[in-house]
Protein backbone atom coordinates (compact mmCIF):
# COMPACT_ATOMS: atom_id res chain seq x y z
CA MET A 1 14.34 6.26 7.78
CA HIS A 2 13.29 9.82 8.47
CA ARG A 3 16.38 12.05 8.00
CA THR A 4 16.82 15.67 7.15
CA SER A 5 19.26 16.86 4.53
CA THR A 6 21.61 18.09 7.25
CA ALA A 7 21.43 15.11 9.61
CA PRO A 8 24.76 13.37 10.27
CA GLY A 9 24.88 9.97 8.60
CA ALA A 10 21.96 10.75 6.30
CA ALA A 11 23.77 9.44 3.20
CA ASP A 12 24.65 6.13 4.87
CA ALA A 13 21.06 5.74 6.08
CA VAL A 14 19.71 6.29 2.56
CA TYR A 15 22.11 3.82 0.98
CA GLU A 16 21.30 1.23 3.66
CA CYS A 17 17.57 1.56 3.00
CA VAL A 18 17.99 1.23 -0.76
CA ILE A 19 20.29 -1.76 -0.52
CA THR A 20 18.78 -3.71 2.41
CA ASP A 21 15.10 -2.88 1.60
CA PRO A 22 13.58 -2.80 5.08
CA ARG A 23 9.94 -2.83 3.91
CA TRP A 24 7.68 -4.89 6.21
CA ASP A 25 5.28 -5.76 3.36
CA ARG A 26 6.93 -5.42 -0.02
CA GLN A 27 3.59 -5.70 -1.82
CA VAL A 28 2.22 -2.44 -0.42
CA ASP A 29 4.82 -0.44 1.55
CA GLN A 30 6.22 2.39 -0.56
CA ARG A 31 9.87 3.42 -0.58
CA ASP A 32 11.04 4.05 -4.14
CA GLY A 33 9.84 7.60 -4.64
CA TYR A 34 10.80 8.63 -1.10
CA LEU A 35 14.34 7.28 -1.39
CA ALA A 36 14.78 8.65 -4.91
CA GLY A 37 13.78 12.06 -3.58
CA LEU A 38 16.34 11.87 -0.78
CA ILE A 39 19.09 10.85 -3.18
CA ALA A 40 18.24 13.77 -5.43
CA ARG A 41 17.94 16.24 -2.55
CA LEU A 42 21.23 15.15 -1.00
CA ASP A 43 22.90 14.83 -4.43
CA LEU A 44 24.25 11.42 -3.47
CA PRO A 45 26.56 9.48 -5.80
CA LEU A 46 25.08 6.32 -7.24
CA ALA A 47 28.23 4.26 -6.92
CA PRO A 48 27.16 2.31 -3.78
CA ILE A 49 23.88 1.35 -5.43
CA GLU A 50 25.58 0.39 -8.69
CA GLN A 51 28.10 -1.66 -6.72
CA HIS A 52 25.25 -3.49 -5.00
CA LEU A 53 23.73 -4.36 -8.34
CA LEU A 54 27.05 -5.55 -9.76
CA THR A 55 27.99 -7.73 -6.81
CA TYR A 56 24.67 -9.36 -6.00
CA ASP A 57 24.43 -12.69 -7.82
CA GLY A 58 21.64 -14.47 -5.95
CA GLU A 59 18.75 -16.15 -7.74
CA ASP A 60 16.08 -14.16 -5.89
CA ALA A 61 15.47 -10.73 -7.43
CA GLU A 62 13.99 -9.15 -4.28
CA PRO A 63 17.36 -7.87 -2.94
CA VAL A 64 17.78 -5.66 -6.04
CA GLU A 65 14.15 -4.77 -6.77
CA LEU A 66 14.00 -1.59 -4.66
CA ALA A 67 17.34 -0.33 -5.98
CA LEU A 68 16.12 -0.78 -9.56
CA ARG A 69 12.84 1.03 -8.83
CA VAL A 70 14.71 3.91 -7.22
CA LEU A 71 16.98 4.17 -10.27
CA ALA A 72 13.91 4.22 -12.57
CA LEU A 73 12.52 7.27 -10.75
CA LEU A 74 15.71 9.26 -10.31
CA PRO A 75 15.88 10.64 -13.89
CA MET A 76 12.52 12.31 -13.33
CA ALA A 77 14.14 14.19 -10.45
CA GLY A 78 16.98 15.37 -12.71
CA ARG A 79 19.45 12.57 -12.04
CA LEU A 80 20.10 11.44 -15.60
CA ASP A 81 23.15 9.47 -14.46
CA ALA A 82 20.69 6.90 -13.07
CA ALA A 83 19.39 6.21 -16.57
CA ALA A 84 22.70 4.74 -17.72
CA VAL A 85 22.98 2.50 -14.66
CA LEU A 86 19.43 1.22 -15.03
CA ARG A 87 19.63 0.72 -18.77
CA GLY A 88 22.92 -1.14 -18.46
CA TYR A 89 21.46 -3.49 -15.88
CA ALA A 90 18.31 -4.05 -17.93
CA ILE A 91 20.47 -5.20 -20.82
CA ASP A 92 23.16 -7.22 -19.05
CA GLY A 93 22.14 -7.68 -15.41
CA PRO A 94 21.19 -11.09 -13.99
CA HIS A 95 17.78 -9.80 -12.99
CA TRP A 96 17.20 -7.86 -16.17
CA SER A 97 13.47 -8.60 -16.28
CA THR A 98 13.03 -6.97 -12.87
CA ALA A 99 14.75 -3.89 -14.23
CA LEU A 100 12.34 -3.88 -17.16
CA GLU A 101 9.41 -4.11 -14.77
CA ALA A 102 10.78 -1.06 -12.94
CA ILE A 103 11.04 0.81 -16.25
CA GLY A 104 7.49 -0.15 -17.23
CA ASP A 105 5.94 0.73 -13.85
CA SER A 106 7.76 4.02 -13.28
CA GLY A 107 7.12 5.94 -16.47
CA ALA A 108 10.79 5.73 -17.45
CA MET A 109 9.70 4.49 -20.87
CA THR A 110 9.25 8.16 -21.78
CA LEU A 111 12.93 8.88 -21.25
CA PRO A 112 15.04 8.58 -24.42
CA ALA A 113 18.19 7.85 -22.42
CA ILE A 114 16.57 4.65 -21.21
CA TRP A 115 14.12 3.76 -23.94
CA ASP A 116 15.73 4.51 -27.31
CA GLY A 117 17.00 1.26 -28.77
CA LEU A 118 16.31 -0.69 -25.57
CA ALA A 119 14.08 -3.26 -27.25
CA ASP A 120 16.71 -4.06 -29.88
CA ASP A 121 19.40 -4.44 -27.20
CA ILE A 122 17.17 -6.76 -25.15
CA MET A 123 16.36 -8.92 -28.20
CA ALA A 124 20.05 -9.19 -29.07
CA ASN A 125 20.97 -10.44 -25.60
CA ARG A 126 18.11 -12.87 -24.87
CA ASP A 127 16.92 -16.06 -26.54
CA ASP A 128 13.26 -17.02 -26.85
CA ALA A 129 13.27 -19.18 -23.71
CA GLN A 130 14.56 -16.28 -21.61
CA LEU A 131 12.00 -13.94 -23.12
CA ALA A 132 9.16 -16.38 -22.53
CA GLN A 133 10.15 -16.73 -18.90
CA ALA A 134 10.19 -12.97 -18.41
CA ILE A 135 6.89 -12.21 -20.20
CA TRP A 136 4.51 -13.48 -17.55
CA CYS A 137 1.65 -11.01 -18.08
CA ASP A 138 0.42 -8.31 -20.45
CA SER A 139 2.36 -5.48 -18.89
CA GLU A 140 4.82 -2.81 -19.87
CA PRO A 141 7.28 -2.64 -21.43
CA TRP A 142 6.36 -5.92 -23.11
CA THR A 143 3.11 -4.69 -24.65
CA THR A 144 4.96 -1.80 -26.28
CA PHE A 145 7.89 -4.05 -27.29
CA ALA A 146 5.39 -6.35 -29.01
CA ARG A 147 4.50 -3.62 -31.52
CA SER A 148 7.99 -3.59 -33.00
CA GLN A 149 9.44 -6.96 -31.95
CA PRO A 150 8.02 -10.03 -33.70
CA ARG A 151 9.57 -12.42 -31.17
CA VAL A 152 7.85 -10.72 -28.26
CA ARG A 153 4.57 -10.51 -30.16
CA ARG A 154 4.70 -14.22 -30.98
CA ILE A 155 5.41 -15.22 -27.36
CA ILE A 156 2.51 -13.11 -26.06
CA VAL A 157 0.10 -14.53 -28.66
CA GLU A 158 1.14 -18.12 -27.96
CA ARG A 159 0.95 -17.63 -24.20
CA ASN A 160 -2.52 -16.08 -24.36
CA ALA A 161 -3.75 -18.83 -26.68
CA SER A 162 -2.59 -21.55 -24.29
CA ARG A 163 -4.46 -20.10 -21.34
CA PRO A 164 -7.94 -21.37 -20.57
CA PRO A 165 -10.53 -18.62 -20.89
CA GLY A 166 -11.34 -17.03 -17.59
CA PRO A 167 -14.84 -16.26 -16.37
CA ALA A 168 -16.45 -13.30 -18.02
CA ARG A 169 -16.37 -10.22 -15.89
CA ARG A 170 -19.82 -9.09 -14.88
CA ASP A 171 -21.57 -7.19 -12.16
CA THR A 172 -22.69 -9.76 -9.64
CA ARG A 173 -24.66 -7.33 -7.51
CA PRO A 174 -27.94 -7.44 -9.52
CA GLY A 175 -27.89 -11.24 -9.51
CA ILE A 176 -27.29 -11.57 -5.79
CA VAL A 177 -30.06 -9.10 -4.99
CA ALA A 178 -32.59 -11.26 -6.78
CA ILE A 179 -31.76 -14.36 -4.71
CA GLY A 180 -34.06 -15.17 -1.83
CA THR A 181 -32.79 -15.24 1.72
CA GLU A 182 -33.06 -19.01 2.09
CA ASP A 183 -31.07 -19.48 -1.10
CA LEU A 184 -28.45 -17.04 0.14
CA ILE A 185 -28.12 -19.11 3.30
CA GLY A 186 -27.71 -22.15 1.10
CA LEU A 187 -24.92 -20.41 -0.82
CA VAL A 188 -23.10 -19.72 2.44
CA ALA A 189 -23.41 -23.36 3.46
CA ALA A 190 -22.26 -24.55 0.03
CA GLY A 191 -19.07 -22.51 0.13
CA GLY A 192 -17.10 -21.52 -2.93
CA SER A 193 -16.87 -18.10 -4.49
CA GLY A 194 -20.52 -17.32 -3.81
CA ARG A 195 -20.15 -17.47 -0.02
CA ARG A 196 -18.53 -14.07 0.41
CA ARG A 197 -21.13 -12.28 -1.74
CA ALA A 198 -23.99 -14.11 -0.04
CA LEU A 199 -22.76 -13.15 3.41
CA GLU A 200 -22.41 -9.51 2.41
CA GLU A 201 -25.89 -9.48 0.94
CA LEU A 202 -27.36 -11.01 4.10
CA GLY A 203 -25.70 -8.27 6.10
CA ARG A 204 -27.02 -5.65 3.71
CA ARG A 205 -30.53 -7.04 4.34
CA GLY A 206 -30.02 -6.80 8.08
CA ASP A 207 -30.32 -10.55 8.62
CA ARG A 208 -28.86 -11.54 11.96
CA VAL A 209 -28.09 -15.05 10.75
CA VAL A 210 -24.76 -13.45 9.91
CA PHE A 211 -23.85 -13.67 13.60
CA ASP A 212 -24.35 -17.45 13.60
CA PHE A 213 -22.22 -17.83 10.52
CA ALA A 214 -19.47 -15.72 12.09
CA GLU A 215 -19.44 -18.05 15.10
CA ASP A 216 -19.22 -21.23 13.00
CA PRO A 217 -15.57 -22.37 12.86
CA GLY A 218 -16.45 -24.86 10.15
CA LEU A 219 -16.98 -22.07 7.63
CA ARG A 220 -13.58 -20.47 8.08
CA ASN A 221 -10.72 -20.77 5.61
CA ALA A 222 -7.28 -22.20 6.31
CA ALA A 223 -6.18 -18.90 7.80
CA GLY A 224 -9.07 -18.98 10.26
CA TRP A 225 -10.89 -16.14 8.51
CA LEU A 226 -14.34 -15.91 6.96
CA PRO A 227 -14.35 -13.51 3.98
CA GLY A 228 -17.56 -11.57 3.68
CA ILE A 229 -18.26 -11.33 7.40
CA PRO A 230 -16.52 -7.95 7.95
CA GLN A 231 -18.56 -6.45 5.11
CA ALA A 232 -21.77 -8.00 6.42
CA LEU A 233 -21.12 -6.68 9.91
CA HIS A 234 -20.43 -3.26 8.47
CA HIS A 235 -23.87 -3.27 6.85
CA LEU A 236 -25.49 -4.39 10.10
CA GLY A 237 -23.88 -1.42 11.86
CA ARG A 238 -25.05 -0.80 15.41
CA ASP A 239 -27.29 -3.85 15.33
CA ALA A 240 -24.10 -5.92 15.51
CA LEU A 241 -22.79 -4.19 18.65
CA PRO A 242 -24.33 -6.44 21.36
CA ARG A 243 -23.01 -9.65 19.76
CA ALA A 244 -19.68 -8.06 18.85
CA ARG A 245 -19.08 -7.08 22.46
CA THR A 246 -19.50 -10.68 23.56
CA TRP A 247 -17.05 -11.83 20.89
CA ILE A 248 -14.30 -9.59 22.22
CA GLY A 249 -14.20 -11.60 25.43
CA SER A 250 -14.73 -14.99 23.78
CA GLY A 251 -11.11 -16.12 23.49
CA ASP A 252 -11.74 -17.02 19.82
CA ASP A 253 -9.19 -14.96 17.88
CA THR A 254 -11.36 -14.72 14.80
CA LEU A 255 -14.41 -13.57 16.76
CA VAL A 256 -12.25 -11.14 18.75
CA ALA A 257 -11.10 -9.58 15.45
CA PHE A 258 -14.70 -9.39 14.15
CA GLY A 259 -15.87 -7.81 17.39
CA GLU A 260 -13.09 -5.23 17.49
CA ARG A 261 -13.89 -4.16 13.93
CA VAL A 262 -17.52 -3.55 14.88
CA VAL A 263 -16.84 -1.53 18.03
CA ALA A 264 -14.12 0.42 16.22
CA GLU A 265 -16.65 1.40 13.51
CA VAL A 266 -19.84 2.00 15.52
CA GLY A 267 -19.10 1.52 19.21
CA ASP A 268 -19.31 4.23 21.87
CA ARG A 269 -16.98 5.50 24.55
CA GLY A 270 -17.92 2.55 26.71
CA ASP A 271 -15.99 0.40 24.26
CA ALA A 272 -12.80 2.39 24.77
CA PRO A 273 -11.22 -0.08 27.25
CA ALA A 274 -11.58 -2.92 24.74
CA LEU A 275 -10.10 -0.81 21.95
CA LEU A 276 -7.24 0.40 24.17
CA ALA A 277 -6.45 -3.19 25.08
CA ALA A 278 -6.56 -4.20 21.42
CA LEU A 279 -4.24 -1.38 20.45
CA HIS A 280 -1.76 -2.24 23.21
CA ARG A 281 -1.84 -5.95 22.35
CA THR A 282 -1.33 -5.50 18.62
CA VAL A 283 1.37 -2.83 18.93
CA ALA A 284 3.29 -4.87 21.49
CA ALA A 285 3.12 -7.91 19.20
CA GLY A 286 4.04 -5.95 16.08
CA GLU A 287 0.73 -6.88 14.45
CA TRP A 288 0.63 -3.63 12.53
CA CYS A 289 -2.27 -4.38 10.20
CA ALA A 290 -4.46 -5.47 13.10
CA ALA A 291 -3.44 -2.34 15.05
CA GLU A 292 -5.03 -0.13 12.40
CA VAL A 293 -8.53 -1.13 13.49
CA PRO A 294 -8.42 0.02 17.11
CA ALA A 295 -6.31 3.05 16.13
CA ARG A 296 -9.04 4.36 13.87
CA GLY A 297 -11.76 3.47 16.35
CA LEU A 298 -10.05 5.29 19.19
CA GLY A 299 -9.54 8.31 16.98
CA ARG A 300 -13.19 8.31 15.97
CA LEU A 301 -14.19 8.30 19.65
CA GLY A 302 -11.58 10.87 20.62
CA ILE A 303 -10.08 8.79 23.43
CA GLN A 304 -7.21 10.93 24.69
CA GLU A 305 -5.71 8.07 26.74
CA ALA A 306 -4.75 6.38 23.46
CA ALA A 307 -2.36 9.17 22.43
CA SER A 308 0.84 7.74 23.89
CA GLU A 309 0.20 4.27 22.45
CA LEU A 310 -0.61 5.73 19.06
CA MET A 311 2.53 7.82 19.15
CA ALA A 312 4.55 4.70 19.93
CA ALA A 313 2.83 2.92 17.04
CA TRP A 314 3.63 5.79 14.66
CA GLU A 315 7.28 5.79 15.67
CA GLY A 316 7.73 2.03 15.95
CA THR A 317 5.75 0.51 13.08
CA LEU A 318 7.72 -1.39 10.47
CA HIS A 319 4.66 -1.32 8.22
CA SER A 320 4.70 2.15 6.73
CA LEU A 321 1.20 1.84 5.21
CA ALA A 322 -0.21 1.55 8.76
CA ARG A 323 0.93 5.07 9.61
CA GLU A 324 -2.16 6.47 7.89
CA ALA A 325 -4.35 4.79 10.50
CA PHE A 326 -2.11 5.87 13.36
CA LEU A 327 -2.15 9.46 12.14
CA ASP A 328 -5.95 9.34 11.80
CA GLY A 329 -6.17 8.01 15.34
CA LEU A 330 -3.92 10.68 16.75
CA ARG A 331 -5.78 13.46 14.98
CA GLY A 332 -8.94 12.30 16.73
CA CYS A 333 -7.44 11.57 20.13
CA ALA A 334 -4.91 14.36 20.56
CA PRO A 335 -5.16 17.01 17.81
CA ARG A 336 -2.42 19.23 19.22
CA GLU A 337 0.07 16.36 19.58
CA ALA A 338 -0.86 15.17 16.11
CA GLU A 339 0.03 18.51 14.52
CA ALA A 340 3.76 17.79 14.67
CA LEU A 341 3.19 14.40 13.04
CA VAL A 342 1.09 16.00 10.34
CA VAL A 343 4.04 18.23 9.45
CA GLU A 344 6.35 15.19 9.50
CA GLY A 345 3.83 13.33 7.38
CA LEU A 346 4.34 15.79 4.50
CA ASP A 347 7.69 14.03 3.98
CA ASP A 348 6.45 10.50 4.56
CA CYS A 349 7.28 7.69 2.16
CA GLU A 350 3.60 6.66 1.91
CA PRO A 351 1.43 8.69 -0.49
CA THR A 352 -1.62 7.95 1.69
CA VAL A 353 0.08 9.52 4.71
CA ARG A 354 1.21 12.54 2.69
CA ARG A 355 -2.32 13.08 1.41
CA ARG A 356 -3.68 12.95 4.98
CA ALA A 357 -0.97 15.38 6.07
CA CYS A 358 -1.87 17.76 3.24
CA GLU A 359 -5.51 17.74 4.34
CA ALA A 360 -4.63 18.68 7.93
CA ALA A 361 -1.46 20.72 7.48
CA PRO A 362 -1.26 23.71 9.84
CA ASP A 363 -1.05 27.19 8.34
CA THR A 364 2.61 28.01 8.81
CA ALA A 365 5.03 29.51 6.29
CA ALA A 366 7.16 26.35 6.33
CA VAL A 367 4.13 24.15 5.65
CA ARG A 368 2.96 26.35 2.79
CA SER A 369 6.42 26.20 1.28
CA ARG A 370 6.43 22.39 1.52
CA LEU A 371 2.97 22.19 -0.01
CA ARG A 372 4.13 24.25 -2.97
CA GLU A 373 7.08 21.91 -3.39
CA LEU A 374 4.76 18.90 -3.36
CA THR A 375 2.54 20.36 -6.08
CA ALA A 376 5.53 20.38 -8.44
CA ASP A 377 7.40 17.30 -7.20
CA PRO A 378 7.74 14.85 -10.12
CA LEU A 379 8.12 11.99 -7.62
CA ALA A 380 4.92 12.86 -5.74
CA ALA A 381 2.25 12.81 -8.43
CA GLU A 382 -0.17 11.03 -6.09
CA VAL A 383 -0.06 14.03 -3.73
CA HIS A 384 -0.30 16.92 -6.22
CA GLU A 385 -4.08 17.26 -5.96
CA ALA A 386 -4.14 17.12 -2.14
CA ALA A 387 -1.37 19.71 -1.84
CA ASN A 388 -3.05 22.01 -4.35
CA THR A 389 -6.39 21.69 -2.57
CA ARG A 390 -4.87 22.57 0.80
CA LEU A 391 -3.14 25.60 -0.65
CA ARG A 392 -6.43 26.82 -2.11
CA VAL A 393 -8.13 26.38 1.25
CA LEU A 394 -5.38 28.39 2.95
CA ALA A 395 -5.66 31.05 0.29
CA VAL A 396 -9.41 31.38 0.93
CA ARG A 397 -8.59 31.98 4.57
CA GLY A 398 -6.47 34.91 3.54
CA ILE A 399 -3.08 33.21 3.93
CA THR A 400 -0.56 33.95 1.21
């Protein structure tokens, strides 16, 4: 997806990404602001995106979700033509509620070209059943619509009244601290929501019974995982190392994962072969979330031999959120090689990667120019503080 404004085929690549939505994990991978920025920078016509919205008639909204979110951000980058496309789809499109979600999540509610009169147009085009189906939680723009639209207000009130009251939110930490160790062990055995907190507290107390629980397959959930164990092992720190090292060679996938987390966090250079093997295995299998653990561990230890594998992971991952871990790993393993990726990271689609890149950006004129752009980029609000901080650091060093 990485293209410069002068690269041949850049426009086609941008359209393809907007329309086909290549995100590996649509719940966390970010694309909308990045793609909206490319469209604005390249001054691309919106016709292909509009055509996609007009011709797609499937029941699943996912194939149009990214396009709608891109359109919701484009007016903030000066592309007011996107407002008309988005507003029209929100009123008449088959997945109109997804368009409204994009408007509510993006901040487009502040734009008169989208917002003025939108509630009235929605009410005129939708009956109560359609509205009730779309209003699934207390979110924007519905909460604002409810102030002026009696139908929306009634649906929200009726829906909330029909829901059973949830458990009161409270801080569970003081309560769990007061429980004796034997009772905590009983909570683990009993299962339920208390198991995770009990395991974490046992780890915080340094109780090595955590190791036995980690090795008990009968406690694991349907996915083969035992929530609470990673946090407990984190609290045990180096005390967990001897057991964790045995787990890595156990052949039990869950224990292997627990063991690799421990050695990645607190192991020493003697654990490098295990972490290198884990990185190679997970990258080769495309297990990008799992690859983050050895990547960070190898970076912490400064294992230079990991550089080529980490570079391959950076270039090959389909999970853009994982690039933060791969960049961290490379910065620790091969700082000079990582410098080029840091500069590339200033243009990454993931805000977490861009923040990391801002923190480590080299002091070149091009980088300083890009940092200044980021401080004022309306589509990069999550990065403004990091870019400003880096510029202040460079200024202290006498760079202007």
